């Protein structure tokens, strides 16, 4: 799975969690061997992707890190609301 697939994976997972999947946007930044993914969702859906005590967001991060580790890359993910 390539770096581009990390973005697609996060987008797919987020769209399956939210009520407004058309508003899910994933921005990708590269810095050396690390990929930074910013997940943007509507204000109404931000609680769904964060979850209680951040459990959903942490699970998403764990999945992304496993996939990235197989490619020898590092990944970081942040959840932000659409402005």
PDB file of N, CA and C in Angstrom:
ATOM      1  N   UNK A   1       0.847  -1.172   0.000  1.00  0.00           N
ATOM      2  CA  UNK A   1       0.000   0.000   0.000  1.00  0.00           C
ATOM      3  C   UNK A   1       0.895   1.239   0.000  1.00  0.00           C
ATOM      4  N   UNK A   2       0.632   2.181  -0.879  1.00  0.00           N
ATOM      5  CA  UNK A   2       1.482   3.358  -1.016  1.00  0.00           C
ATOM      6  C   UNK A   2       1.022   4.479  -0.089  1.00  0.00           C
ATOM      7  N   UNK A   3       1.776   5.576  -0.103  1.00  0.00           N
ATOM      8  CA  UNK A   3       1.412   6.731   0.711  1.00  0.00           C
ATOM      9  C   UNK A   3       0.055   7.284   0.292  1.00  0.00           C
ATOM     10  N   UNK A   4      -0.235   7.252  -0.996  1.00  0.00           N
ATOM     11  CA  UNK A   4      -1.524   7.723  -1.495  1.00  0.00           C
ATOM     12  C   UNK A   4      -2.653   6.874  -0.921  1.00  0.00           C
ATOM     13  N   UNK A   5      -2.393   5.601  -0.723  1.00  0.00           N
ATOM     14  CA  UNK A   5      -3.405   4.716  -0.171  1.00  0.00           C
ATOM     15  C   UNK A   5      -3.720   5.035   1.291  1.00  0.00           C
ATOM     16  N   UNK A   6      -2.766   5.607   2.020  1.00  0.00           N
ATOM     17  CA  UNK A   6      -3.034   6.029   3.391  1.00  0.00           C
ATOM     18  C   UNK A   6      -4.138   7.080   3.405  1.00  0.00           C
ATOM     19  N   UNK A   7      -4.042   8.014   2.491  1.00  0.00           N
ATOM     20  CA  UNK A   7      -5.057   9.058   2.377  1.00  0.00           C
ATOM     21  C   UNK A   7      -6.412   8.446   2.020  1.00  0.00           C
ATOM     22  N   UNK A   8      -6.419   7.543   1.057  1.00  0.00           N
ATOM     23  CA  UNK A   8      -7.652   6.884   0.643  1.00  0.00           C
ATOM     24  C   UNK A   8      -8.255   6.046   1.755  1.00  0.00           C
ATOM     25  N   UNK A   9      -7.410   5.362   2.512  1.00  0.00           N
ATOM     26  CA  UNK A   9      -7.881   4.553   3.631  1.00  0.00           C
ATOM     27  C   UNK A   9      -8.551   5.423   4.685  1.00  0.00           C
ATOM     28  N   UNK A  10      -7.911   6.527   5.058  1.00  0.00           N
ATOM     29  CA  UNK A  10      -8.482   7.424   6.053  1.00  0.00           C
ATOM     30  C   UNK A  10      -9.796   8.023   5.558  1.00  0.00           C
ATOM     31  N   UNK A  11      -9.835   8.398   4.293  1.00  0.00           N
ATOM     32  CA  UNK A  11     -11.057   8.972   3.721  1.00  0.00           C
ATOM     33  C   UNK A  11     -12.192   7.949   3.743  1.00  0.00           C
ATOM     34  N   UNK A  12     -11.898   6.726   3.373  1.00  0.00           N
ATOM     35  CA  UNK A  12     -12.908   5.665   3.368  1.00  0.00           C
ATOM     36  C   UNK A  12     -13.440   5.401   4.777  1.00  0.00           C
ATOM     37  N   UNK A  13     -12.544   5.283   5.743  1.00  0.00           N
ATOM     38  CA  UNK A  13     -12.957   5.018   7.117  1.00  0.00           C
ATOM     39  C   UNK A  13     -13.789   6.165   7.683  1.00  0.00           C
ATOM     40  N   UNK A  14     -13.354   7.396   7.423  1.00  0.00           N
ATOM     41  CA  UNK A  14     -14.069   8.554   7.949  1.00  0.00           C
ATOM     42  C   UNK A  14     -15.461   8.671   7.329  1.00  0.00           C
ATOM     43  N   UNK A  15     -15.560   8.435   6.030  1.00  0.00           N
ATOM     44  CA  UNK A  15     -16.864   8.539   5.367  1.00  0.00           C
ATOM     45  C   UNK A  15     -17.842   7.493   5.888  1.00  0.00           C
ATOM     46  N   UNK A  16     -17.331   6.363   6.324  1.00  0.00           N
ATOM     47  CA  UNK A  16     -18.216   5.328   6.855  1.00  0.00           C
ATOM     48  C   UNK A  16     -18.685   5.650   8.280  1.00  0.00           C
ATOM     49  N   UNK A  17     -18.027   6.590   8.949  1.00  0.00           N
ATOM     50  CA  UNK A  17     -18.375   6.936  10.330  1.00  0.00           C
ATOM     51  C   UNK A  17     -19.342   8.110  10.450  1.00  0.00           C
ATOM     52  N   UNK A  18     -19.320   9.034   9.494  1.00  0.00           N
ATOM     53  CA  UNK A  18     -20.021  10.306   9.650  1.00  0.00           C
ATOM     54  C   UNK A  18     -21.402  10.306   8.999  1.00  0.00           C
ATOM     55  N   UNK A  19     -22.208  11.311   9.364  1.00  0.00           N
ATOM     56  CA  UNK A  19     -23.527  11.491   8.777  1.00  0.00           C
ATOM     57  C   UNK A  19     -23.474  12.272   7.466  1.00  0.00           C
ATOM     58  N   UNK A  20     -22.413  13.055   7.270  1.00  0.00           N
ATOM     59  CA  UNK A  20     -22.260  13.876   6.064  1.00  0.00           C
ATOM     60  C   UNK A  20     -20.967  13.487   5.341  1.00  0.00           C
ATOM     61  N   UNK A  21     -20.962  12.332   4.665  1.00  0.00           N
ATOM     62  CA  UNK A  21     -19.722  11.871   4.034  1.00  0.00           C
ATOM     63  C   UNK A  21     -19.230  12.763   2.898  1.00  0.00           C
ATOM     64  N   UNK A  22     -20.120  13.552   2.317  1.00  0.00           N
ATOM     65  CA  UNK A  22     -19.714  14.435   1.224  1.00  0.00           C
ATOM     66  C   UNK A  22     -18.838  15.584   1.716  1.00  0.00           C
ATOM     67  N   UNK A  23     -18.812  15.825   3.021  1.00  0.00           N
ATOM     68  CA  UNK A  23     -18.014  16.912   3.581  1.00  0.00           C
ATOM     69  C   UNK A  23     -16.673  16.447   4.153  1.00  0.00           C
ATOM     70  N   UNK A  24     -16.348  15.180   3.988  1.00  0.00           N
ATOM     71  CA  UNK A  24     -15.066  14.662   4.485  1.00  0.00           C
ATOM     72  C   UNK A  24     -13.961  15.065   3.512  1.00  0.00           C
ATOM     73  N   UNK A  25     -12.926  15.688   4.050  1.00  0.00           N
ATOM     74  CA  UNK A  25     -11.770  16.106   3.260  1.00  0.00           C
ATOM     75  C   UNK A  25     -10.515  15.653   3.994  1.00  0.00           C
ATOM     76  N   UNK A  26      -9.595  15.045   3.262  1.00  0.00           N
ATOM     77  CA  UNK A  26      -8.323  14.641   3.844  1.00  0.00           C
ATOM     78  C   UNK A  26      -7.210  15.398   3.121  1.00  0.00           C
ATOM     79  N   UNK A  27      -6.466  16.201   3.875  1.00  0.00           N
ATOM     80  CA  UNK A  27      -5.320  16.917   3.316  1.00  0.00           C
ATOM     81  C   UNK A  27      -4.058  16.180   3.720  1.00  0.00           C
ATOM     82  N   UNK A  28      -3.121  16.123   2.797  1.00  0.00           N
ATOM     83  CA  UNK A  28      -1.904  15.327   2.990  1.00  0.00           C
ATOM     84  C   UNK A  28      -0.678  16.208   2.822  1.00  0.00           C
ATOM     85  N   UNK A  29       0.254  16.106   3.757  1.00  0.00           N
ATOM     86  CA  UNK A  29       1.506  16.843   3.714  1.00  0.00           C
ATOM     87  C   UNK A  29       2.647  15.850   3.908  1.00  0.00           C
ATOM     88  N   UNK A  30       3.745  16.070   3.197  1.00  0.00           N
ATOM     89  CA  UNK A  30       4.908  15.184   3.310  1.00  0.00           C
ATOM     90  C   UNK A  30       6.080  15.955   3.895  1.00  0.00           C
ATOM     91  N   UNK A  31       6.778  15.309   4.800  1.00  0.00           N
ATOM     92  CA  UNK A  31       7.959  15.893   5.409  1.00  0.00           C
ATOM     93  C   UNK A  31       8.966  14.776   5.634  1.00  0.00           C
ATOM     94  N   UNK A  32       9.912  14.668   4.735  1.00  0.00           N
ATOM     95  CA  UNK A  32      10.901  13.597   4.835  1.00  0.00           C
ATOM     96  C   UNK A  32      10.224  12.252   4.694  1.00  0.00           C
ATOM     97  N   UNK A  33      10.373  11.386   5.687  1.00  0.00           N
ATOM     98  CA  UNK A  33       9.754  10.068   5.651  1.00  0.00           C
ATOM     99  C   UNK A  33       8.427  10.007   6.372  1.00  0.00           C
ATOM    100  N   UNK A  34       7.870  11.175   6.713  1.00  0.00           N
ATOM    101  CA  UNK A  34       6.604  11.193   7.454  1.00  0.00           C
ATOM    102  C   UNK A  34       5.503  11.818   6.614  1.00  0.00           C
ATOM    103  N   UNK A  35       4.308  11.268   6.779  1.00  0.00           N
ATOM    104  CA  UNK A  35       3.110  11.786   6.124  1.00  0.00           C
ATOM    105  C   UNK A  35       2.195  12.343   7.202  1.00  0.00           C
ATOM    106  N   UNK A  36       1.761  13.584   7.024  1.00  0.00           N
ATOM    107  CA  UNK A  36       0.810  14.226   7.936  1.00  0.00           C
ATOM    108  C   UNK A  36      -0.543  14.271   7.239  1.00  0.00           C
ATOM    109  N   UNK A  37      -1.556  13.683   7.857  1.00  0.00           N
ATOM    110  CA  UNK A  37      -2.905  13.683   7.306  1.00  0.00           C
ATOM    111  C   UNK A  37      -3.807  14.507   8.211  1.00  0.00           C
ATOM    112  N   UNK A  38      -4.490  15.490   7.629  1.00  0.00           N
ATOM    113  CA  UNK A  38      -5.466  16.289   8.365  1.00  0.00           C
ATOM    114  C   UNK A  38      -6.848  15.875   7.899  1.00  0.00           C
ATOM    115  N   UNK A  39      -7.638  15.354   8.808  1.00  0.00           N
ATOM    116  CA  UNK A  39      -8.996  14.924   8.511  1.00  0.00           C
ATOM    117  C   UNK A  39      -9.944  16.051   8.864  1.00  0.00           C
ATOM    118  N   UNK A  40     -10.650  16.556   7.860  1.00  0.00           N
ATOM    119  CA  UNK A  40     -11.608  17.635   8.070  1.00  0.00           C
ATOM    120  C   UNK A  40     -13.013  17.085   7.884  1.00  0.00           C
ATOM    121  N   UNK A  41     -13.847  17.308   8.872  1.00  0.00           N
ATOM    122  CA  UNK A  41     -15.243  16.877   8.836  1.00  0.00           C
ATOM    123  C   UNK A  41     -16.114  18.039   9.286  1.00  0.00           C
ATOM    124  N   UNK A  42     -17.422  17.934   9.040  1.00  0.00           N
ATOM    125  CA  UNK A  42     -18.331  18.997   9.460  1.00  0.00           C
ATOM    126  C   UNK A  42     -18.383  19.066  10.985  1.00  0.00           C
ATOM    127  N   UNK A  43     -18.812  20.212  11.485  1.00  0.00           N
ATOM    128  CA  UNK A  43     -18.888  20.432  12.929  1.00  0.00           C
ATOM    129  C   UNK A  43     -19.795  19.397  13.590  1.00  0.00           C
ATOM    130  N   UNK A  44     -20.852  18.982  12.902  1.00  0.00           N
ATOM    131  CA  UNK A  44     -21.793  18.006  13.452  1.00  0.00           C
ATOM    132  C   UNK A  44     -21.167  16.618  13.605  1.00  0.00           C
ATOM    133  N   UNK A  45     -20.188  16.305  12.779  1.00  0.00           N
ATOM    134  CA  UNK A  45     -19.603  14.967  12.762  1.00  0.00           C
ATOM    135  C   UNK A  45     -18.299  14.836  13.532  1.00  0.00           C
ATOM    136  N   UNK A  46     -17.780  15.936  14.034  1.00  0.00           N
ATOM    137  CA  UNK A  46     -16.464  15.876  14.670  1.00  0.00           C
ATOM    138  C   UNK A  46     -16.462  14.952  15.895  1.00  0.00           C
ATOM    139  N   UNK A  47     -17.555  14.914  16.621  1.00  0.00           N
ATOM    140  CA  UNK A  47     -17.643  14.030  17.781  1.00  0.00           C
ATOM    141  C   UNK A  47     -17.639  12.562  17.402  1.00  0.00           C
ATOM    142  N   UNK A  48     -18.191  12.256  16.228  1.00  0.00           N
ATOM    143  CA  UNK A  48     -18.233  10.861  15.772  1.00  0.00           C
ATOM    144  C   UNK A  48     -16.839  10.343  15.434  1.00  0.00           C
ATOM    145  N   UNK A  49     -15.982  11.181  14.839  1.00  0.00           N
ATOM    146  CA  UNK A  49     -14.653  10.703  14.457  1.00  0.00           C
ATOM    147  C   UNK A  49     -13.656  10.796  15.603  1.00  0.00           C
ATOM    148  N   UNK A  50     -13.982  11.578  16.637  1.00  0.00           N
ATOM    149  CA  UNK A  50     -13.115  11.611  17.811  1.00  0.00           C
ATOM    150  C   UNK A  50     -13.525  10.512  18.785  1.00  0.00           C
ATOM    151  N   UNK A  51     -14.818  10.379  19.039  1.00  0.00           N
ATOM    152  CA  UNK A  51     -15.311   9.338  19.936  1.00  0.00           C
ATOM    153  C   UNK A  51     -15.107   9.696  21.398  1.00  0.00           C
ATOM    154  N   UNK A  52     -15.658   8.876  22.279  1.00  0.00           N
ATOM    155  CA  UNK A  52     -15.512   9.113  23.714  1.00  0.00           C
ATOM    156  C   UNK A  52     -14.051   8.952  24.119  1.00  0.00           C
ATOM    157  N   UNK A  53     -13.551   9.981  24.773  1.00  0.00           N
ATOM    158  CA  UNK A  53     -12.157   9.992  25.248  1.00  0.00           C
ATOM    159  C   UNK A  53     -11.162   9.796  24.108  1.00  0.00           C
ATOM    160  N   UNK A  54     -11.552  10.113  22.869  1.00  0.00           N
ATOM    161  CA  UNK A  54     -10.644  10.020  21.728  1.00  0.00           C
ATOM    162  C   UNK A  54     -10.397   8.618  21.226  1.00  0.00           C
ATOM    163  N   UNK A  55     -11.237   7.681  21.603  1.00  0.00           N
ATOM    164  CA  UNK A  55     -10.999   6.276  21.242  1.00  0.00           C
ATOM    165  C   UNK A  55     -11.082   6.018  19.741  1.00  0.00           C
ATOM    166  N   UNK A  56     -12.057   6.623  19.062  1.00  0.00           N
ATOM    167  CA  UNK A  56     -12.195   6.395  17.616  1.00  0.00           C
ATOM    168  C   UNK A  56     -10.999   6.991  16.876  1.00  0.00           C
ATOM    169  N   UNK A  57     -10.635   8.225  17.230  1.00  0.00           N
ATOM    170  CA  UNK A  57      -9.489   8.872  16.594  1.00  0.00           C
ATOM    171  C   UNK A  57      -8.203   8.077  16.842  1.00  0.00           C
ATOM    172  N   UNK A  58      -8.025   7.595  18.050  1.00  0.00           N
ATOM    173  CA  UNK A  58      -6.831   6.796  18.351  1.00  0.00           C
ATOM    174  C   UNK A  58      -6.827   5.475  17.594  1.00  0.00           C
ATOM    175  N   UNK A  59      -7.988   4.894  17.388  1.00  0.00           N
ATOM    176  CA  UNK A  59      -8.070   3.663  16.596  1.00  0.00           C
ATOM    177  C   UNK A  59      -7.725   3.929  15.141  1.00  0.00           C
ATOM    178  N   UNK A  60      -8.201   5.052  14.613  1.00  0.00           N
ATOM    179  CA  UNK A  60      -7.851   5.422  13.237  1.00  0.00           C
ATOM    180  C   UNK A  60      -6.340   5.615  13.114  1.00  0.00           C
ATOM    181  N   UNK A  61      -5.751   6.283  14.083  1.00  0.00           N
ATOM    182  CA  UNK A  61      -4.289   6.498  14.071  1.00  0.00           C
ATOM    183  C   UNK A  61      -3.541   5.168  14.114  1.00  0.00           C
ATOM    184  N   UNK A  62      -4.026   4.240  14.926  1.00  0.00           N
ATOM    185  CA  UNK A  62      -3.362   2.937  15.042  1.00  0.00           C
ATOM    186  C   UNK A  62      -3.417   2.185  13.722  1.00  0.00           C
ATOM    187  N   UNK A  63      -4.567   2.193  13.065  1.00  0.00           N
ATOM    188  CA  UNK A  63      -4.682   1.530  11.762  1.00  0.00           C
ATOM    189  C   UNK A  63      -3.738   2.146  10.737  1.00  0.00           C
ATOM    190  N   UNK A  64      -3.694   3.474  10.702  1.00  0.00           N
ATOM    191  CA  UNK A  64      -2.820   4.154   9.753  1.00  0.00           C
ATOM    192  C   UNK A  64      -1.350   3.846  10.027  1.00  0.00           C
ATOM    193  N   UNK A  65      -0.978   3.790  11.307  1.00  0.00           N
ATOM    194  CA  UNK A  65       0.419   3.506  11.654  1.00  0.00           C
ATOM    195  C   UNK A  65       0.833   2.098  11.248  1.00  0.00           C
ATOM    196  N   UNK A  66      -0.079   1.139  11.375  1.00  0.00           N
ATOM    197  CA  UNK A  66       0.234  -0.234  10.967  1.00  0.00           C
ATOM    198  C   UNK A  66       0.470  -0.303   9.470  1.00  0.00           C
ATOM    199  N   UNK A  67      -0.417   0.329   8.709  1.00  0.00           N
ATOM    200  CA  UNK A  67      -0.280   0.314   7.248  1.00  0.00           C
ATOM    201  C   UNK A  67       0.989   1.053   6.834  1.00  0.00           C
ATOM    202  N   UNK A  68       1.261   2.194   7.461  1.00  0.00           N
ATOM    203  CA  UNK A  68       2.450   2.975   7.122  1.00  0.00           C
ATOM    204  C   UNK A  68       3.729   2.222   7.473  1.00  0.00           C
ATOM    205  N   UNK A  69       3.730   1.512   8.585  1.00  0.00           N
ATOM    206  CA  UNK A  69       4.927   0.776   9.006  1.00  0.00           C
ATOM    207  C   UNK A  69       5.291  -0.300   7.988  1.00  0.00           C
ATOM    208  N   UNK A  70       4.300  -0.880   7.358  1.00  0.00           N
ATOM    209  CA  UNK A  70       4.581  -1.889   6.332  1.00  0.00           C
ATOM    210  C   UNK A  70       5.307  -1.283   5.133  1.00  0.00           C
ATOM    211  N   UNK A  71       5.114   0.021   4.914  1.00  0.00           N
ATOM    212  CA  UNK A  71       5.765   0.719   3.809  1.00  0.00           C
ATOM    213  C   UNK A  71       7.058   1.401   4.239  1.00  0.00           C
ATOM    214  N   UNK A  72       7.404   1.265   5.508  1.00  0.00           N
ATOM    215  CA  UNK A  72       8.618   1.908   6.001  1.00  0.00           C
ATOM    216  C   UNK A  72       8.474   3.410   6.130  1.00  0.00           C
ATOM    217  N   UNK A  73       7.280   3.869   6.377  1.00  0.00           N
ATOM    218  CA  UNK A  73       7.038   5.299   6.529  1.00  0.00           C
ATOM    219  C   UNK A  73       6.338   5.559   7.849  1.00  0.00           C
ATOM    220  N   UNK A  74       6.300   6.811   8.251  1.00  0.00           N
ATOM    221  CA  UNK A  74       5.597   7.188   9.478  1.00  0.00           C
ATOM    222  C   UNK A  74       4.425   8.068   9.106  1.00  0.00           C
ATOM    223  N   UNK A  75       3.384   8.009   9.925  1.00  0.00           N
ATOM    224  CA  UNK A  75       2.184   8.800   9.642  1.00  0.00           C
ATOM    225  C   UNK A  75       1.664   9.424  10.929  1.00  0.00           C
ATOM    226  N   UNK A  76       1.130  10.628  10.781  1.00  0.00           N
ATOM    227  CA  UNK A  76       0.468  11.315  11.879  1.00  0.00           C
ATOM    228  C   UNK A  76      -0.868  11.822  11.357  1.00  0.00           C
ATOM    229  N   UNK A  77      -1.889  11.802  12.222  1.00  0.00           N
ATOM    230  CA  UNK A  77      -3.221  12.204  11.797  1.00  0.00           C
ATOM    231  C   UNK A  77      -3.832  13.141  12.822  1.00  0.00           C
ATOM    232  N   UNK A  78      -4.429  14.232  12.349  1.00  0.00           N
ATOM    233  CA  UNK A  78      -5.145  15.175  13.199  1.00  0.00           C
ATOM    234  C   UNK A  78      -6.558  15.335  12.669  1.00  0.00           C
ATOM    235  N   UNK A  79      -7.494  15.566  13.583  1.00  0.00           N
ATOM    236  CA  UNK A  79      -8.894  15.799  13.215  1.00  0.00           C
ATOM    237  C   UNK A  79      -9.183  17.282  13.398  1.00  0.00           C
ATOM    238  N   UNK A  80      -9.676  17.932  12.347  1.00  0.00           N
ATOM    239  CA  UNK A  80     -10.053  19.339  12.403  1.00  0.00           C
ATOM    240  C   UNK A  80     -11.436  19.505  11.804  1.00  0.00           C
ATOM    241  N   UNK A  81     -12.141  20.542  12.228  1.00  0.00           N
ATOM    242  CA  UNK A  81     -13.476  20.769  11.663  1.00  0.00           C
ATOM    243  C   UNK A  81     -13.378  21.686  10.453  1.00  0.00           C
ATOM    244  N   UNK A  82     -14.346  21.587   9.551  1.00  0.00           N
ATOM    245  CA  UNK A  82     -14.404  22.441   8.372  1.00  0.00           C
ATOM    246  C   UNK A  82     -14.690  23.865   8.814  1.00  0.00           C
ATOM    247  N   UNK A  83     -14.067  24.805   8.157  1.00  0.00           N
ATOM    248  CA  UNK A  83     -14.278  26.216   8.517  1.00  0.00           C
ATOM    249  C   UNK A  83     -15.010  26.932   7.433  1.00  0.00           C
TER     250      UNK A  83
END
